[in-house]
Amino acid sequence: MKNAPWHSRFALTLALLLPVYFAVAALGTKFGLWGWQVGLGSLIITAGPLLLGIVAIVGLVSLIMCVRKAPRTGWWLSLVALALPLGVFAMLANVGSTAGANPIHDVATNTANPPEFSAMTMAARAEIDANPVSDYATPLGQIEWWSDKAGEELKAKSHAQLVSELYPDL
C-alpha cells in the first residue's frame, strides 16, 4: 500500500469513509442531533447516492490512471474503491425493486391481533402529525390515504389479506 499512488489511497480512503458517513447520518437521528427527515431524507436518500457516485467516479478515474501508466501499482486499491459504491448501488437497486413490488410495508406476523402502540406513543404521534394508524381488518378503499392511490383490486382487500398473500411465510 505504501507503493500505491496517492490517488489510489485517496480513493480507497473515500470508499472506506462511506460507511462512517451513513452511520453518522443514522446515529445523529437516533441521538437527537437532527430529525428523521434530515437523517433519512437529506443525508441518506438525497446526499447518499450523490456521495456514492462521487466515490465511484474517483475510484474509476484512479483505476484508469493506475492501468495506463507503468508501474501499474495500486490498481487493486482503486478497484476496491470502485467496487464498494457500485456494490451499494446494486444492493439499493435490489431493495428498490423488491419494495416496489409490494404495495404495503406495514407488516405484522399476527394479522388477527397485530401489536398496538401504547397510549404514550399514540399521543406523541398525534403531536407530530404522524401518519395515521389503520386497522388491519379495514379494506384499503375505506382508508383515506389509500382511497385515491389503490386500484380497485387493492381497495377491496385489507392489510391482513395483503400480508397473508404477499408474505405467506410469516
Protein backbone atom coordinates (compact mmCIF):
# COMPACT_ATOMS: atom_id res chain seq x y z
CA MET A 1 0.00 0.00 0.00
CA LYS A 2 2.96 2.32 0.57
CA ASN A 3 3.98 1.98 -3.07
CA ALA A 4 0.47 2.76 -4.31
CA PRO A 5 -0.08 6.15 -5.92
CA TRP A 6 -1.68 8.87 -3.83
CA HIS A 7 -4.90 8.81 -5.88
CA SER A 8 -5.42 5.09 -5.18
CA ARG A 9 -5.00 5.62 -1.46
CA PHE A 10 -7.28 8.66 -1.61
CA ALA A 11 -9.99 6.75 -3.50
CA LEU A 12 -9.84 3.85 -1.03
CA THR A 13 -9.98 6.25 1.92
CA LEU A 14 -13.11 7.88 0.50
CA ALA A 15 -14.70 4.47 -0.06
CA LEU A 16 -13.91 3.37 3.48
CA LEU A 17 -15.37 6.61 4.87
CA LEU A 18 -18.75 5.98 3.20
CA PRO A 19 -19.99 3.60 5.94
CA VAL A 20 -18.89 6.17 8.52
CA TYR A 21 -20.98 8.83 6.77
CA PHE A 22 -24.08 6.62 6.70
CA ALA A 23 -23.56 5.61 10.35
CA VAL A 24 -23.28 9.27 11.40
CA ALA A 25 -26.45 10.10 9.43
CA ALA A 26 -28.37 7.31 11.17
CA LEU A 27 -26.90 7.76 14.63
CA GLY A 28 -27.39 11.53 14.51
CA THR A 29 -31.10 10.84 14.19
CA LYS A 30 -31.04 8.24 16.96
CA PHE A 31 -29.31 10.60 19.39
CA GLY A 32 -31.48 13.61 18.52
CA LEU A 33 -28.87 15.70 16.70
CA TRP A 34 -31.35 16.12 13.85
CA GLY A 35 -34.81 14.88 12.95
CA TRP A 36 -35.53 11.76 10.94
CA GLN A 37 -36.42 13.90 7.93
CA VAL A 38 -32.86 15.25 7.85
CA GLY A 39 -31.19 11.93 8.67
CA LEU A 40 -33.19 9.77 6.28
CA GLY A 41 -34.35 12.31 3.73
CA SER A 42 -31.46 14.71 3.27
CA LEU A 43 -28.40 12.82 4.46
CA ILE A 44 -29.21 9.31 3.26
CA ILE A 45 -31.73 9.48 0.41
CA THR A 46 -30.58 12.75 -1.20
CA ALA A 47 -26.87 13.08 -0.40
CA GLY A 48 -26.08 9.37 -0.04
CA PRO A 49 -26.37 8.39 -3.72
CA LEU A 50 -24.52 11.57 -4.71
CA LEU A 51 -21.60 10.66 -2.43
CA LEU A 52 -21.64 7.07 -3.66
CA GLY A 53 -21.47 8.34 -7.24
CA ILE A 54 -18.61 10.72 -6.49
CA VAL A 55 -16.60 7.96 -4.80
CA ALA A 56 -17.30 5.59 -7.71
CA ILE A 57 -16.07 8.22 -10.20
CA VAL A 58 -12.95 8.89 -8.13
CA GLY A 59 -12.29 5.14 -7.95
CA LEU A 60 -12.81 4.73 -11.69
CA VAL A 61 -10.53 7.64 -12.58
CA SER A 62 -7.89 6.32 -10.20
CA LEU A 63 -8.16 2.83 -11.69
CA ILE A 64 -7.74 4.21 -15.21
CA MET A 65 -4.72 6.23 -14.09
CA CYS A 66 -3.19 3.13 -12.50
CA VAL A 67 -3.52 0.85 -15.50
CA ARG A 68 -2.41 3.44 -18.07
CA LYS A 69 0.93 4.31 -16.53
CA ALA A 70 3.74 1.97 -15.52
CA PRO A 71 4.48 0.80 -12.92
CA ARG A 72 0.92 -0.45 -12.51
CA THR A 73 0.79 -0.38 -8.72
CA GLY A 74 -2.19 0.38 -6.52
CA TRP A 75 -4.76 -0.66 -9.11
CA TRP A 76 -6.37 -3.06 -6.66
CA LEU A 77 -6.93 -0.21 -4.16
CA SER A 78 -8.70 1.75 -6.89
CA LEU A 79 -10.69 -1.33 -7.87
CA VAL A 80 -11.88 -1.79 -4.27
CA ALA A 81 -12.72 1.94 -4.10
CA LEU A 82 -14.84 1.49 -7.23
CA ALA A 83 -16.41 -1.81 -6.16
CA LEU A 84 -17.68 -0.60 -2.77
CA PRO A 85 -20.05 2.14 -4.01
CA LEU A 86 -21.09 0.03 -7.01
CA GLY A 87 -21.96 -2.80 -4.61
CA VAL A 88 -24.09 -0.44 -2.53
CA PHE A 89 -25.84 0.81 -5.68
CA ALA A 90 -26.57 -2.80 -6.68
CA MET A 91 -27.98 -3.54 -3.23
CA LEU A 92 -30.14 -0.41 -3.32
CA ALA A 93 -31.47 -1.32 -6.77
CA ASN A 94 -32.42 -4.76 -5.47
CA VAL A 95 -34.12 -3.34 -2.38
CA GLY A 96 -35.94 -0.74 -4.50
CA SER A 97 -37.30 -3.31 -6.91
CA THR A 98 -38.46 -5.53 -4.05
CA ALA A 99 -40.10 -2.64 -2.21
CA GLY A 100 -41.88 -1.51 -5.36
CA ALA A 101 -43.39 -4.95 -5.86
CA ASN A 102 -45.27 -4.84 -2.54
CA PRO A 103 -47.91 -2.15 -2.03
CA ILE A 104 -47.68 -2.26 1.78
CA HIS A 105 -44.72 -2.16 4.12
CA ASP A 106 -46.56 -2.28 7.44
CA VAL A 107 -46.33 -5.98 8.20
CA ALA A 108 -47.28 -7.80 11.40
CA THR A 109 -46.74 -11.51 11.92
CA ASN A 110 -50.09 -11.86 13.67
CA THR A 111 -52.61 -10.07 11.49
CA ALA A 112 -55.58 -11.20 13.59
CA ASN A 113 -54.13 -9.44 16.64
CA PRO A 114 -51.35 -7.06 15.47
CA PRO A 115 -49.20 -5.21 18.01
CA GLU A 116 -50.59 -1.89 19.17
CA PHE A 117 -48.85 1.36 20.04
CA SER A 118 -49.02 2.47 23.65
CA ALA A 119 -51.14 5.47 24.59
CA MET A 120 -47.94 7.49 25.11
CA THR A 121 -46.71 6.63 21.60
CA MET A 122 -50.08 7.47 20.07
CA ALA A 123 -50.04 10.85 21.86
CA ALA A 124 -46.50 11.54 20.60
CA ARG A 125 -47.57 10.57 17.06
CA ALA A 126 -50.53 12.97 17.28
CA GLU A 127 -48.23 15.81 18.39
CA ILE A 128 -46.02 15.49 15.32
CA ASP A 129 -48.91 14.76 12.93
CA ALA A 130 -47.53 11.31 12.05
CA ASN A 131 -49.14 9.00 9.51
CA PRO A 132 -52.42 7.55 10.77
CA VAL A 133 -52.51 4.05 12.23
CA SER A 134 -55.02 1.89 10.37
CA ASP A 135 -56.93 -1.18 11.44
CA TYR A 136 -55.65 -4.33 9.73
CA ALA A 137 -59.21 -5.55 9.09
CA THR A 138 -60.40 -2.39 7.29
CA PRO A 139 -60.41 -2.61 3.47
CA LEU A 140 -57.84 -0.24 1.98
CA GLY A 141 -60.51 1.58 -0.03
CA GLN A 142 -62.06 2.78 3.25
CA ILE A 143 -58.78 4.28 4.47
CA GLU A 144 -58.39 7.90 3.37
CA TRP A 145 -54.70 7.62 2.46
CA TRP A 146 -55.32 4.62 0.19
CA SER A 147 -58.61 5.80 -1.33
CA ASP A 148 -57.02 7.55 -4.32
CA LYS A 149 -53.79 5.50 -4.51
CA ALA A 150 -55.02 1.93 -4.67
CA GLY A 151 -56.53 0.20 -7.66
CA GLU A 152 -59.94 -1.41 -7.38
CA GLU A 153 -58.45 -4.82 -6.57
CA LEU A 154 -56.43 -3.40 -3.66
CA LYS A 155 -59.28 -1.24 -2.38
CA ALA A 156 -61.34 -4.36 -1.67
CA LYS A 157 -58.58 -6.01 0.39
CA SER A 158 -57.46 -5.30 3.93
CA HIS A 159 -53.90 -5.08 5.24
CA ALA A 160 -54.35 -8.51 6.81
CA GLN A 161 -55.33 -10.07 3.47
CA LEU A 162 -52.42 -8.44 1.66
CA VAL A 163 -49.93 -9.53 4.32
CA SER A 164 -51.20 -13.10 4.01
CA GLU A 165 -50.87 -13.01 0.22
CA LEU A 166 -47.55 -11.15 -0.06
CA TYR A 167 -45.77 -12.72 2.90
CA PRO A 168 -47.10 -16.30 3.09
CA ASP A 169 -44.11 -17.49 5.17
CA LEU A 170 -44.86 -15.22 8.14
